[in-house]
N, C-alpha and C. Protein backbone atom coordinates (compact mmCIF):
# COMPACT_ATOMS: atom_id res chain seq x y z
N MET A 1 0.84 -1.20 0.00
CA MET A 1 0.00 0.00 0.00
C MET A 1 0.87 1.25 0.00
N THR A 2 0.53 2.24 -0.84
CA THR A 2 1.28 3.48 -0.91
C THR A 2 1.07 4.30 0.36
N SER A 3 2.13 4.89 0.86
CA SER A 3 2.01 5.72 2.06
C SER A 3 1.14 6.93 1.76
N PRO A 4 0.28 7.32 2.72
CA PRO A 4 -0.57 8.50 2.50
C PRO A 4 0.27 9.75 2.32
N LYS A 5 -0.20 10.63 1.44
CA LYS A 5 0.54 11.85 1.12
C LYS A 5 0.05 13.01 1.99
N LEU A 6 1.00 13.78 2.50
CA LEU A 6 0.70 14.96 3.30
C LEU A 6 0.98 16.21 2.47
N HIS A 7 -0.08 16.96 2.21
CA HIS A 7 0.02 18.21 1.47
C HIS A 7 -0.11 19.37 2.46
N MET A 8 0.79 20.33 2.40
CA MET A 8 0.63 21.56 3.17
C MET A 8 0.24 22.69 2.22
N ILE A 9 -0.78 23.45 2.61
CA ILE A 9 -1.27 24.54 1.77
C ILE A 9 -0.97 25.87 2.47
N THR A 10 -0.29 26.75 1.77
CA THR A 10 -0.02 28.07 2.34
C THR A 10 -1.25 28.95 2.20
N GLY A 11 -1.30 30.00 3.03
CA GLY A 11 -2.43 30.92 2.98
C GLY A 11 -2.85 31.35 4.37
N GLY A 12 -4.09 31.78 4.48
CA GLY A 12 -4.58 32.24 5.78
C GLY A 12 -4.38 33.73 5.98
N ARG A 13 -4.65 34.19 7.18
CA ARG A 13 -4.62 35.62 7.46
C ARG A 13 -3.20 36.18 7.45
N ASN A 14 -2.23 35.38 7.81
CA ASN A 14 -0.84 35.83 7.84
C ASN A 14 -0.05 35.02 6.83
N PHE A 15 -0.03 35.50 5.59
CA PHE A 15 0.60 34.71 4.53
C PHE A 15 2.10 34.57 4.75
N GLY A 16 2.73 35.63 5.23
CA GLY A 16 4.16 35.57 5.47
C GLY A 16 4.53 34.49 6.46
N ALA A 17 3.75 34.39 7.53
CA ALA A 17 4.00 33.36 8.53
C ALA A 17 3.77 31.97 7.94
N SER A 18 2.75 31.86 7.09
CA SER A 18 2.46 30.57 6.45
C SER A 18 3.61 30.15 5.54
N LEU A 19 4.17 31.12 4.83
CA LEU A 19 5.29 30.83 3.93
C LEU A 19 6.51 30.37 4.74
N HIS A 20 6.76 31.04 5.84
CA HIS A 20 7.87 30.67 6.71
C HIS A 20 7.65 29.26 7.28
N ALA A 21 6.41 28.98 7.67
CA ALA A 21 6.08 27.67 8.21
C ALA A 21 6.30 26.57 7.17
N ALA A 22 5.97 26.88 5.92
CA ALA A 22 6.16 25.89 4.85
C ALA A 22 7.62 25.50 4.71
N ALA A 23 8.51 26.49 4.79
CA ALA A 23 9.94 26.20 4.69
C ALA A 23 10.41 25.32 5.84
N GLN A 24 9.86 25.55 7.04
CA GLN A 24 10.24 24.76 8.20
C GLN A 24 9.69 23.34 8.12
N ALA A 25 8.49 23.21 7.61
CA ALA A 25 7.82 21.90 7.57
C ALA A 25 8.21 21.05 6.38
N ALA A 26 8.89 21.65 5.41
CA ALA A 26 9.15 20.98 4.13
C ALA A 26 9.73 19.57 4.23
N PRO A 27 10.66 19.30 5.14
CA PRO A 27 11.23 17.94 5.18
C PRO A 27 10.21 16.86 5.53
N TRP A 28 9.08 17.24 6.14
CA TRP A 28 8.12 16.25 6.64
C TRP A 28 6.81 16.24 5.86
N VAL A 29 6.73 17.00 4.78
CA VAL A 29 5.53 16.96 3.96
C VAL A 29 5.89 16.49 2.56
N ASP A 30 4.90 15.97 1.85
CA ASP A 30 5.14 15.49 0.49
C ASP A 30 5.03 16.60 -0.54
N TYR A 31 4.10 17.54 -0.29
CA TYR A 31 3.89 18.65 -1.23
C TYR A 31 3.59 19.93 -0.46
N ILE A 32 4.07 21.05 -0.99
CA ILE A 32 3.73 22.37 -0.49
C ILE A 32 3.00 23.11 -1.60
N HIS A 33 1.78 23.54 -1.30
CA HIS A 33 0.97 24.28 -2.27
C HIS A 33 1.15 25.77 -2.02
N LEU A 34 1.66 26.49 -3.00
CA LEU A 34 1.77 27.94 -2.91
C LEU A 34 0.45 28.52 -3.39
N ARG A 35 -0.31 29.08 -2.44
CA ARG A 35 -1.67 29.52 -2.74
C ARG A 35 -1.92 30.90 -2.13
N ASN A 36 -2.24 31.84 -2.99
CA ASN A 36 -2.64 33.18 -2.56
C ASN A 36 -3.47 33.77 -3.68
N LYS A 37 -4.79 33.75 -3.53
CA LYS A 37 -5.68 34.13 -4.61
C LYS A 37 -5.56 35.59 -5.00
N ALA A 38 -5.08 36.44 -4.08
CA ALA A 38 -4.99 37.87 -4.36
C ALA A 38 -3.67 38.27 -4.98
N ALA A 39 -2.75 37.34 -5.13
CA ALA A 39 -1.39 37.67 -5.57
C ALA A 39 -1.28 37.75 -7.08
N SER A 40 -0.33 38.55 -7.53
CA SER A 40 0.00 38.62 -8.95
C SER A 40 0.93 37.47 -9.31
N ALA A 41 1.10 37.25 -10.60
CA ALA A 41 2.03 36.21 -11.06
C ALA A 41 3.45 36.53 -10.60
N ARG A 42 3.82 37.81 -10.62
CA ARG A 42 5.17 38.19 -10.20
C ARG A 42 5.38 37.91 -8.72
N GLU A 43 4.36 38.17 -7.90
CA GLU A 43 4.46 37.87 -6.47
C GLU A 43 4.57 36.37 -6.25
N MET A 44 3.76 35.61 -6.96
CA MET A 44 3.81 34.16 -6.82
C MET A 44 5.19 33.62 -7.21
N GLU A 45 5.74 34.16 -8.28
CA GLU A 45 7.07 33.74 -8.70
C GLU A 45 8.11 34.04 -7.62
N SER A 46 8.02 35.23 -7.04
CA SER A 46 8.97 35.63 -6.01
C SER A 46 8.90 34.71 -4.80
N TRP A 47 7.69 34.40 -4.36
CA TRP A 47 7.53 33.52 -3.19
C TRP A 47 8.00 32.11 -3.50
N ALA A 48 7.70 31.64 -4.72
CA ALA A 48 8.13 30.30 -5.11
C ALA A 48 9.66 30.22 -5.11
N LEU A 49 10.31 31.22 -5.66
CA LEU A 49 11.77 31.23 -5.69
C LEU A 49 12.35 31.32 -4.28
N HIS A 50 11.67 32.04 -3.41
CA HIS A 50 12.11 32.13 -2.01
C HIS A 50 12.12 30.74 -1.38
N LEU A 51 11.06 29.98 -1.60
CA LEU A 51 10.99 28.62 -1.06
C LEU A 51 12.07 27.72 -1.67
N LEU A 52 12.23 27.81 -2.97
CA LEU A 52 13.21 26.96 -3.65
C LEU A 52 14.63 27.30 -3.21
N GLN A 53 14.92 28.58 -3.11
CA GLN A 53 16.26 28.99 -2.68
C GLN A 53 16.51 28.66 -1.22
N GLY A 54 15.43 28.49 -0.46
CA GLY A 54 15.54 28.12 0.94
C GLY A 54 15.68 26.62 1.15
N GLY A 55 15.71 25.87 0.07
CA GLY A 55 15.94 24.43 0.18
C GLY A 55 14.75 23.55 -0.10
N VAL A 56 13.58 24.12 -0.39
CA VAL A 56 12.42 23.30 -0.74
C VAL A 56 12.65 22.70 -2.13
N SER A 57 12.47 21.41 -2.24
CA SER A 57 12.68 20.74 -3.52
C SER A 57 11.60 21.13 -4.53
N PRO A 58 11.97 21.39 -5.79
CA PRO A 58 10.95 21.66 -6.81
C PRO A 58 10.00 20.48 -6.98
N GLY A 59 10.44 19.28 -6.59
CA GLY A 59 9.58 18.10 -6.65
C GLY A 59 8.50 18.07 -5.59
N LYS A 60 8.53 19.06 -4.68
CA LYS A 60 7.48 19.18 -3.66
C LYS A 60 6.58 20.40 -3.88
N LEU A 61 6.94 21.26 -4.82
CA LEU A 61 6.26 22.55 -4.94
C LEU A 61 5.13 22.50 -5.96
N VAL A 62 3.93 22.84 -5.50
CA VAL A 62 2.73 22.89 -6.34
C VAL A 62 2.22 24.33 -6.33
N ILE A 63 1.96 24.89 -7.50
CA ILE A 63 1.48 26.27 -7.61
C ILE A 63 -0.03 26.27 -7.81
N ASN A 64 -0.72 27.04 -7.01
CA ASN A 64 -2.17 27.12 -7.13
C ASN A 64 -2.55 27.95 -8.36
N ASP A 65 -3.33 27.37 -9.25
CA ASP A 65 -3.97 28.03 -10.38
C ASP A 65 -3.01 28.43 -11.50
N ARG A 66 -1.86 29.03 -11.18
CA ARG A 66 -1.01 29.68 -12.17
C ARG A 66 -0.05 28.70 -12.83
N VAL A 67 -0.46 28.18 -13.97
CA VAL A 67 0.38 27.26 -14.73
C VAL A 67 1.64 27.98 -15.21
N ASP A 68 1.50 29.27 -15.56
CA ASP A 68 2.66 30.02 -16.04
C ASP A 68 3.75 30.12 -14.98
N VAL A 69 3.34 30.34 -13.74
CA VAL A 69 4.32 30.44 -12.66
C VAL A 69 4.97 29.09 -12.40
N ALA A 70 4.17 28.04 -12.41
CA ALA A 70 4.71 26.70 -12.20
C ALA A 70 5.78 26.38 -13.23
N LEU A 71 5.53 26.72 -14.48
CA LEU A 71 6.51 26.47 -15.54
C LEU A 71 7.74 27.35 -15.38
N ALA A 72 7.52 28.61 -14.98
CA ALA A 72 8.63 29.56 -14.88
C ALA A 72 9.63 29.16 -13.80
N VAL A 73 9.12 28.60 -12.69
CA VAL A 73 10.02 28.29 -11.56
C VAL A 73 10.42 26.82 -11.51
N GLY A 74 9.86 26.01 -12.40
CA GLY A 74 10.21 24.59 -12.41
C GLY A 74 9.53 23.78 -11.33
N ALA A 75 8.35 24.23 -10.89
CA ALA A 75 7.59 23.47 -9.88
C ALA A 75 7.11 22.15 -10.49
N CYS A 76 6.83 21.20 -9.60
CA CYS A 76 6.42 19.88 -10.09
C CYS A 76 4.97 19.83 -10.54
N GLY A 77 4.14 20.77 -10.02
CA GLY A 77 2.74 20.65 -10.35
C GLY A 77 1.93 21.92 -10.15
N VAL A 78 0.64 21.78 -10.49
CA VAL A 78 -0.33 22.88 -10.33
C VAL A 78 -1.60 22.32 -9.70
N GLN A 79 -2.26 23.19 -8.94
CA GLN A 79 -3.55 22.85 -8.35
C GLN A 79 -4.60 23.72 -9.03
N LEU A 80 -5.55 23.10 -9.71
CA LEU A 80 -6.53 23.82 -10.51
C LEU A 80 -7.86 23.94 -9.78
N ALA A 81 -8.56 25.06 -10.03
CA ALA A 81 -9.90 25.30 -9.50
C ALA A 81 -10.88 25.33 -10.66
N TRP A 82 -12.14 25.61 -10.36
CA TRP A 82 -13.17 25.60 -11.41
C TRP A 82 -12.90 26.65 -12.48
N HIS A 83 -12.22 27.76 -12.12
CA HIS A 83 -11.97 28.84 -13.06
C HIS A 83 -10.64 28.70 -13.78
N SER A 84 -9.85 27.70 -13.42
CA SER A 84 -8.52 27.52 -14.00
C SER A 84 -8.60 26.88 -15.39
N LEU A 85 -7.45 26.72 -16.02
CA LEU A 85 -7.40 25.92 -17.24
C LEU A 85 -7.91 24.51 -16.97
N ARG A 86 -8.45 23.88 -17.98
CA ARG A 86 -8.94 22.51 -17.81
C ARG A 86 -7.76 21.55 -17.61
N PRO A 87 -7.96 20.50 -16.81
CA PRO A 87 -6.88 19.52 -16.64
C PRO A 87 -6.40 18.94 -17.96
N SER A 88 -7.33 18.71 -18.88
CA SER A 88 -6.95 18.12 -20.17
C SER A 88 -6.04 19.06 -20.95
N THR A 89 -6.27 20.37 -20.84
CA THR A 89 -5.41 21.34 -21.52
C THR A 89 -4.00 21.28 -20.96
N VAL A 90 -3.90 21.28 -19.64
CA VAL A 90 -2.59 21.28 -18.99
C VAL A 90 -1.85 19.98 -19.29
N LYS A 91 -2.52 18.84 -19.16
CA LYS A 91 -1.85 17.55 -19.37
C LYS A 91 -1.44 17.35 -20.83
N THR A 92 -2.22 17.92 -21.75
CA THR A 92 -1.88 17.79 -23.17
C THR A 92 -0.67 18.66 -23.52
N ARG A 93 -0.66 19.89 -23.01
CA ARG A 93 0.42 20.82 -23.36
C ARG A 93 1.68 20.60 -22.53
N TRP A 94 1.51 20.25 -21.25
CA TRP A 94 2.65 20.11 -20.35
C TRP A 94 2.50 18.81 -19.55
N PRO A 95 2.66 17.69 -20.21
CA PRO A 95 2.39 16.39 -19.57
C PRO A 95 3.29 16.08 -18.37
N HIS A 96 4.40 16.80 -18.23
CA HIS A 96 5.29 16.54 -17.09
C HIS A 96 4.74 17.11 -15.79
N LEU A 97 3.77 18.02 -15.87
CA LEU A 97 3.24 18.64 -14.65
C LEU A 97 2.28 17.69 -13.94
N LEU A 98 2.41 17.63 -12.62
CA LEU A 98 1.43 16.96 -11.78
C LEU A 98 0.22 17.88 -11.68
N VAL A 99 -0.96 17.35 -11.96
CA VAL A 99 -2.16 18.19 -12.01
C VAL A 99 -3.17 17.72 -10.97
N GLY A 100 -3.45 18.61 -10.02
CA GLY A 100 -4.50 18.37 -9.04
C GLY A 100 -5.69 19.28 -9.32
N VAL A 101 -6.87 18.84 -8.93
CA VAL A 101 -8.08 19.64 -9.12
C VAL A 101 -8.84 19.69 -7.80
N SER A 102 -9.30 20.87 -7.42
CA SER A 102 -10.10 21.02 -6.21
C SER A 102 -11.56 20.72 -6.52
N VAL A 103 -12.15 19.78 -5.75
CA VAL A 103 -13.52 19.36 -6.02
C VAL A 103 -14.32 19.32 -4.72
N HIS A 104 -15.66 19.29 -4.88
CA HIS A 104 -16.54 19.30 -3.72
C HIS A 104 -17.59 18.18 -3.76
N THR A 105 -17.65 17.44 -4.85
CA THR A 105 -18.61 16.36 -4.98
C THR A 105 -17.96 15.17 -5.69
N PRO A 106 -18.54 13.98 -5.52
CA PRO A 106 -18.02 12.82 -6.26
C PRO A 106 -18.07 13.03 -7.77
N GLN A 107 -19.11 13.70 -8.24
CA GLN A 107 -19.26 13.92 -9.67
C GLN A 107 -18.15 14.82 -10.21
N GLU A 108 -17.80 15.87 -9.46
CA GLU A 108 -16.72 16.75 -9.88
C GLU A 108 -15.40 15.99 -9.92
N ALA A 109 -15.20 15.09 -8.97
CA ALA A 109 -13.98 14.28 -8.96
C ALA A 109 -13.92 13.40 -10.20
N ALA A 110 -15.03 12.75 -10.51
CA ALA A 110 -15.07 11.89 -11.69
C ALA A 110 -14.77 12.66 -12.97
N GLU A 111 -15.32 13.86 -13.07
CA GLU A 111 -15.07 14.69 -14.24
C GLU A 111 -13.60 15.09 -14.33
N ALA A 112 -13.01 15.44 -13.18
CA ALA A 112 -11.60 15.83 -13.18
C ALA A 112 -10.71 14.69 -13.64
N PHE A 113 -10.98 13.49 -13.15
CA PHE A 113 -10.16 12.35 -13.54
C PHE A 113 -10.38 11.99 -15.01
N ALA A 114 -11.60 12.17 -15.50
CA ALA A 114 -11.87 11.90 -16.91
C ALA A 114 -11.09 12.84 -17.81
N GLU A 115 -10.76 14.02 -17.27
CA GLU A 115 -9.99 15.01 -18.04
C GLU A 115 -8.49 14.91 -17.80
N GLY A 116 -8.06 13.89 -17.05
CA GLY A 116 -6.64 13.66 -16.93
C GLY A 116 -5.99 14.12 -15.64
N ALA A 117 -6.78 14.56 -14.65
CA ALA A 117 -6.18 14.97 -13.38
C ALA A 117 -5.42 13.81 -12.74
N ASP A 118 -4.31 14.13 -12.09
CA ASP A 118 -3.53 13.10 -11.39
C ASP A 118 -4.08 12.80 -10.01
N TYR A 119 -4.73 13.78 -9.39
CA TYR A 119 -5.36 13.60 -8.08
C TYR A 119 -6.38 14.72 -7.89
N VAL A 120 -7.24 14.58 -6.89
CA VAL A 120 -8.14 15.68 -6.53
C VAL A 120 -8.00 15.98 -5.05
N LEU A 121 -8.24 17.25 -4.70
CA LEU A 121 -8.40 17.66 -3.31
C LEU A 121 -9.90 17.76 -3.06
N PHE A 122 -10.40 16.96 -2.12
CA PHE A 122 -11.83 16.96 -1.82
C PHE A 122 -12.07 17.60 -0.46
N GLY A 123 -12.98 18.56 -0.41
CA GLY A 123 -13.29 19.17 0.89
C GLY A 123 -14.45 20.13 0.77
N HIS A 124 -14.75 20.74 1.94
CA HIS A 124 -14.03 20.50 3.19
C HIS A 124 -14.74 19.39 3.97
N VAL A 125 -13.93 18.53 4.58
CA VAL A 125 -14.46 17.33 5.23
C VAL A 125 -14.98 17.64 6.63
N TYR A 126 -14.25 18.45 7.38
CA TYR A 126 -14.63 18.84 8.74
C TYR A 126 -14.86 20.35 8.79
N ASP A 127 -15.45 20.82 9.88
CA ASP A 127 -15.62 22.27 10.06
C ASP A 127 -14.28 22.96 9.89
N SER A 128 -14.29 24.05 9.13
CA SER A 128 -13.04 24.72 8.81
C SER A 128 -13.18 26.21 9.04
N ALA A 129 -12.16 26.81 9.68
CA ALA A 129 -12.17 28.25 9.92
C ALA A 129 -12.15 29.04 8.62
N SER A 130 -11.65 28.44 7.56
CA SER A 130 -11.60 29.14 6.28
C SER A 130 -12.92 29.07 5.53
N LYS A 131 -13.88 28.28 6.05
CA LYS A 131 -15.21 28.17 5.45
C LYS A 131 -16.29 28.39 6.51
N PRO A 132 -16.30 29.55 7.17
CA PRO A 132 -17.24 29.77 8.27
C PRO A 132 -18.70 29.71 7.80
N GLY A 133 -19.50 28.98 8.55
CA GLY A 133 -20.91 28.88 8.24
C GLY A 133 -21.27 27.89 7.14
N VAL A 134 -20.27 27.27 6.52
CA VAL A 134 -20.52 26.30 5.45
C VAL A 134 -20.43 24.90 6.04
N PRO A 135 -21.51 24.12 5.98
CA PRO A 135 -21.48 22.78 6.59
C PRO A 135 -20.41 21.90 5.96
N PRO A 136 -19.71 21.12 6.77
CA PRO A 136 -18.70 20.21 6.22
C PRO A 136 -19.35 19.09 5.42
N ARG A 137 -18.62 18.52 4.49
CA ARG A 137 -19.17 17.46 3.65
C ARG A 137 -19.08 16.09 4.31
N GLY A 138 -18.16 15.92 5.22
CA GLY A 138 -18.14 14.72 6.05
C GLY A 138 -17.49 13.51 5.41
N LEU A 139 -17.35 12.47 6.24
CA LEU A 139 -16.65 11.26 5.82
C LEU A 139 -17.44 10.44 4.82
N ARG A 140 -18.76 10.43 4.93
CA ARG A 140 -19.55 9.61 4.00
C ARG A 140 -19.38 10.09 2.56
N LEU A 141 -19.43 11.40 2.37
CA LEU A 141 -19.26 11.91 1.01
C LEU A 141 -17.83 11.72 0.53
N LEU A 142 -16.89 11.84 1.44
CA LEU A 142 -15.49 11.55 1.08
C LEU A 142 -15.37 10.10 0.63
N GLU A 143 -15.97 9.18 1.38
CA GLU A 143 -15.88 7.77 1.03
C GLU A 143 -16.54 7.49 -0.31
N GLU A 144 -17.66 8.15 -0.59
CA GLU A 144 -18.32 7.97 -1.89
C GLU A 144 -17.45 8.50 -3.02
N THR A 145 -16.78 9.62 -2.76
CA THR A 145 -15.88 10.19 -3.76
C THR A 145 -14.73 9.24 -4.06
N VAL A 146 -14.17 8.66 -3.01
CA VAL A 146 -13.09 7.68 -3.18
C VAL A 146 -13.58 6.49 -4.00
N ARG A 147 -14.78 6.00 -3.67
CA ARG A 147 -15.32 4.81 -4.35
C ARG A 147 -15.52 5.09 -5.84
N LEU A 148 -16.09 6.24 -6.17
CA LEU A 148 -16.37 6.55 -7.57
C LEU A 148 -15.10 6.93 -8.34
N SER A 149 -14.03 7.23 -7.61
CA SER A 149 -12.78 7.62 -8.26
C SER A 149 -11.90 6.42 -8.61
N GLY A 150 -12.33 5.23 -8.21
CA GLY A 150 -11.56 4.04 -8.55
C GLY A 150 -10.19 4.07 -7.92
N ASN A 151 -9.16 3.88 -8.73
CA ASN A 151 -7.79 3.86 -8.23
C ASN A 151 -7.12 5.23 -8.23
N HIS A 152 -7.88 6.26 -8.58
CA HIS A 152 -7.31 7.60 -8.63
C HIS A 152 -7.22 8.20 -7.22
N PRO A 153 -6.17 8.94 -6.92
CA PRO A 153 -5.96 9.46 -5.56
C PRO A 153 -6.91 10.61 -5.19
N VAL A 154 -7.56 10.46 -4.05
CA VAL A 154 -8.39 11.51 -3.48
C VAL A 154 -7.72 11.98 -2.18
N ILE A 155 -7.43 13.27 -2.11
CA ILE A 155 -6.79 13.86 -0.94
C ILE A 155 -7.84 14.65 -0.16
N ALA A 156 -7.99 14.35 1.13
CA ALA A 156 -8.98 15.02 1.97
C ALA A 156 -8.47 16.37 2.42
N LEU A 157 -9.38 17.32 2.54
CA LEU A 157 -9.02 18.70 2.89
C LEU A 157 -10.10 19.29 3.80
N GLY A 158 -9.68 20.14 4.73
CA GLY A 158 -10.64 20.95 5.48
C GLY A 158 -10.80 20.59 6.93
N GLY A 159 -10.23 21.40 7.82
CA GLY A 159 -10.42 21.24 9.25
C GLY A 159 -9.79 19.99 9.84
N ILE A 160 -8.80 19.44 9.17
CA ILE A 160 -8.23 18.15 9.59
C ILE A 160 -7.24 18.34 10.73
N GLN A 161 -7.46 17.58 11.80
CA GLN A 161 -6.54 17.50 12.93
C GLN A 161 -5.87 16.12 12.92
N PRO A 162 -4.73 15.97 13.58
CA PRO A 162 -4.06 14.67 13.56
C PRO A 162 -4.95 13.51 13.99
N ALA A 163 -5.81 13.73 14.98
CA ALA A 163 -6.66 12.64 15.45
C ALA A 163 -7.70 12.19 14.42
N HIS A 164 -7.97 13.03 13.42
CA HIS A 164 -8.92 12.66 12.37
C HIS A 164 -8.33 11.65 11.37
N ILE A 165 -7.02 11.62 11.26
CA ILE A 165 -6.39 11.01 10.10
C ILE A 165 -6.66 9.51 9.96
N PRO A 166 -6.60 8.71 11.01
CA PRO A 166 -6.93 7.30 10.82
C PRO A 166 -8.31 7.08 10.23
N GLY A 167 -9.29 7.87 10.69
CA GLY A 167 -10.64 7.76 10.13
C GLY A 167 -10.70 8.16 8.68
N LEU A 168 -9.97 9.20 8.32
CA LEU A 168 -9.91 9.62 6.92
C LEU A 168 -9.34 8.51 6.04
N LEU A 169 -8.26 7.91 6.52
CA LEU A 169 -7.60 6.88 5.72
C LEU A 169 -8.46 5.62 5.58
N ARG A 170 -9.32 5.38 6.57
CA ARG A 170 -10.22 4.22 6.44
C ARG A 170 -11.24 4.38 5.32
N THR A 171 -11.45 5.60 4.87
CA THR A 171 -12.35 5.81 3.72
C THR A 171 -11.68 5.43 2.41
N GLY A 172 -10.36 5.23 2.45
CA GLY A 172 -9.62 4.96 1.23
C GLY A 172 -8.92 6.17 0.66
N ALA A 173 -9.03 7.31 1.36
CA ALA A 173 -8.34 8.52 0.89
C ALA A 173 -6.84 8.26 0.78
N ALA A 174 -6.24 8.87 -0.24
CA ALA A 174 -4.82 8.65 -0.51
C ALA A 174 -3.92 9.59 0.28
N GLY A 175 -4.52 10.52 1.02
CA GLY A 175 -3.74 11.45 1.80
C GLY A 175 -4.62 12.56 2.34
N TYR A 176 -3.97 13.61 2.86
CA TYR A 176 -4.71 14.68 3.51
C TYR A 176 -3.93 15.98 3.34
N ALA A 177 -4.66 17.08 3.30
CA ALA A 177 -4.07 18.40 3.10
C ALA A 177 -4.38 19.28 4.30
N VAL A 178 -3.40 20.07 4.72
CA VAL A 178 -3.49 20.86 5.94
C VAL A 178 -3.06 22.29 5.66
N LEU A 179 -3.82 23.25 6.18
CA LEU A 179 -3.45 24.65 6.06
C LEU A 179 -3.02 25.18 7.43
N SER A 180 -3.97 25.61 8.25
CA SER A 180 -3.62 26.26 9.52
C SER A 180 -3.02 25.29 10.53
N GLY A 181 -3.34 24.01 10.42
CA GLY A 181 -2.80 23.04 11.37
C GLY A 181 -1.28 23.00 11.38
N ILE A 182 -0.68 23.36 10.25
CA ILE A 182 0.78 23.48 10.17
C ILE A 182 1.19 24.94 10.04
N GLY A 183 0.51 25.67 9.18
CA GLY A 183 0.89 27.04 8.89
C GLY A 183 0.77 27.99 10.05
N ALA A 184 -0.16 27.72 10.96
CA ALA A 184 -0.35 28.60 12.12
C ALA A 184 0.19 27.98 13.41
N ALA A 185 0.89 26.85 13.30
CA ALA A 185 1.42 26.18 14.49
C ALA A 185 2.63 26.92 15.04
N ALA A 186 2.81 26.84 16.36
CA ALA A 186 3.98 27.46 16.99
C ALA A 186 5.27 26.81 16.50
N ASP A 187 5.20 25.51 16.24
CA ASP A 187 6.36 24.76 15.73
C ASP A 187 5.90 23.99 14.49
N PRO A 188 5.97 24.60 13.31
CA PRO A 188 5.45 23.96 12.10
C PRO A 188 6.09 22.62 11.79
N ALA A 189 7.39 22.48 12.05
CA ALA A 189 8.06 21.22 11.77
C ALA A 189 7.50 20.10 12.64
N GLN A 190 7.31 20.39 13.94
CA GLN A 190 6.74 19.39 14.83
C GLN A 190 5.31 19.07 14.45
N ALA A 191 4.55 20.10 14.07
CA ALA A 191 3.17 19.88 13.65
C ALA A 191 3.11 18.95 12.44
N ALA A 192 4.01 19.17 11.48
CA ALA A 192 4.05 18.30 10.30
C ALA A 192 4.39 16.88 10.70
N ARG A 193 5.32 16.72 11.62
CA ARG A 193 5.66 15.38 12.10
C ARG A 193 4.47 14.73 12.79
N ASP A 194 3.72 15.52 13.56
CA ASP A 194 2.54 14.98 14.25
C ASP A 194 1.49 14.49 13.25
N TYR A 195 1.29 15.26 12.18
CA TYR A 195 0.34 14.83 11.15
C TYR A 195 0.81 13.56 10.46
N ARG A 196 2.08 13.48 10.17
CA ARG A 196 2.60 12.29 9.51
C ARG A 196 2.52 11.08 10.44
N ASP A 197 2.88 11.26 11.70
CA ASP A 197 2.84 10.15 12.66
C ASP A 197 1.42 9.65 12.90
N ALA A 198 0.44 10.56 12.76
CA ALA A 198 -0.95 10.18 13.03
C ALA A 198 -1.46 9.11 12.08
N ALA A 199 -0.85 9.01 10.92
CA ALA A 199 -1.26 7.99 9.95
C ALA A 199 -0.95 6.58 10.45
N LEU A 200 -0.07 6.47 11.45
CA LEU A 200 0.32 5.17 11.96
C LEU A 200 -0.54 4.75 13.16
N LYS A 201 -1.42 5.66 13.61
CA LYS A 201 -2.22 5.38 14.80
C LYS A 201 -3.61 4.92 14.42
N GLY A 202 -4.31 4.35 15.37
CA GLY A 202 -5.60 3.74 15.05
C GLY A 202 -6.81 4.44 15.56
N GLY A 203 -6.66 5.54 16.32
CA GLY A 203 -7.81 6.21 16.90
C GLY A 203 -8.39 7.27 15.99
N ASP A 204 -9.50 7.86 16.42
CA ASP A 204 -10.13 8.95 15.67
C ASP A 204 -10.98 9.73 16.64
N LEU A 205 -11.26 10.98 16.27
CA LEU A 205 -12.15 11.77 17.09
C LEU A 205 -13.56 11.20 17.02
N PRO A 206 -14.35 11.35 18.07
CA PRO A 206 -15.73 10.86 18.00
C PRO A 206 -16.56 11.67 17.03
């Protein structure tokens, strides 16, 4: 069985702190998503180069939405949203890029994989501070998404704490993505280790 993948997503109210946390956590995560919806391409390039020059491997760096930035800095992949280029366009033109798609339903996941996505981020699974007032989609819908996705990787996202992870993995999810749990932690490196270690434990929150 493939080890579950840990994705860290930058962002939140203090982007600078999140970026710093990503550099600290990098050795213990599989992917770092550079995400800032308000940023220009030039800003995204600058932040990406900052991470790369700080020792983050390009094989771990995923750029949110901006395929041009991903190509310019040599990142391994892009994370696409509903308004982004289609996965089929990206995979046809730049087949070397790892392509993820953000989805909210099993049907959206199926469509993304039909268009060539390498994985999807499904969420939000639990209550999330970044989605106030929006009900979480929960484990049942995550499990249905995994089932309809066949052998394609589904990564869980949204409000995930270390104690949730065994339950998430029992749905068949291929991994989990974390924003504030690492980005806002007092010790991001330790937080990343805690998330990774949680995959080896058997408990879950009630």
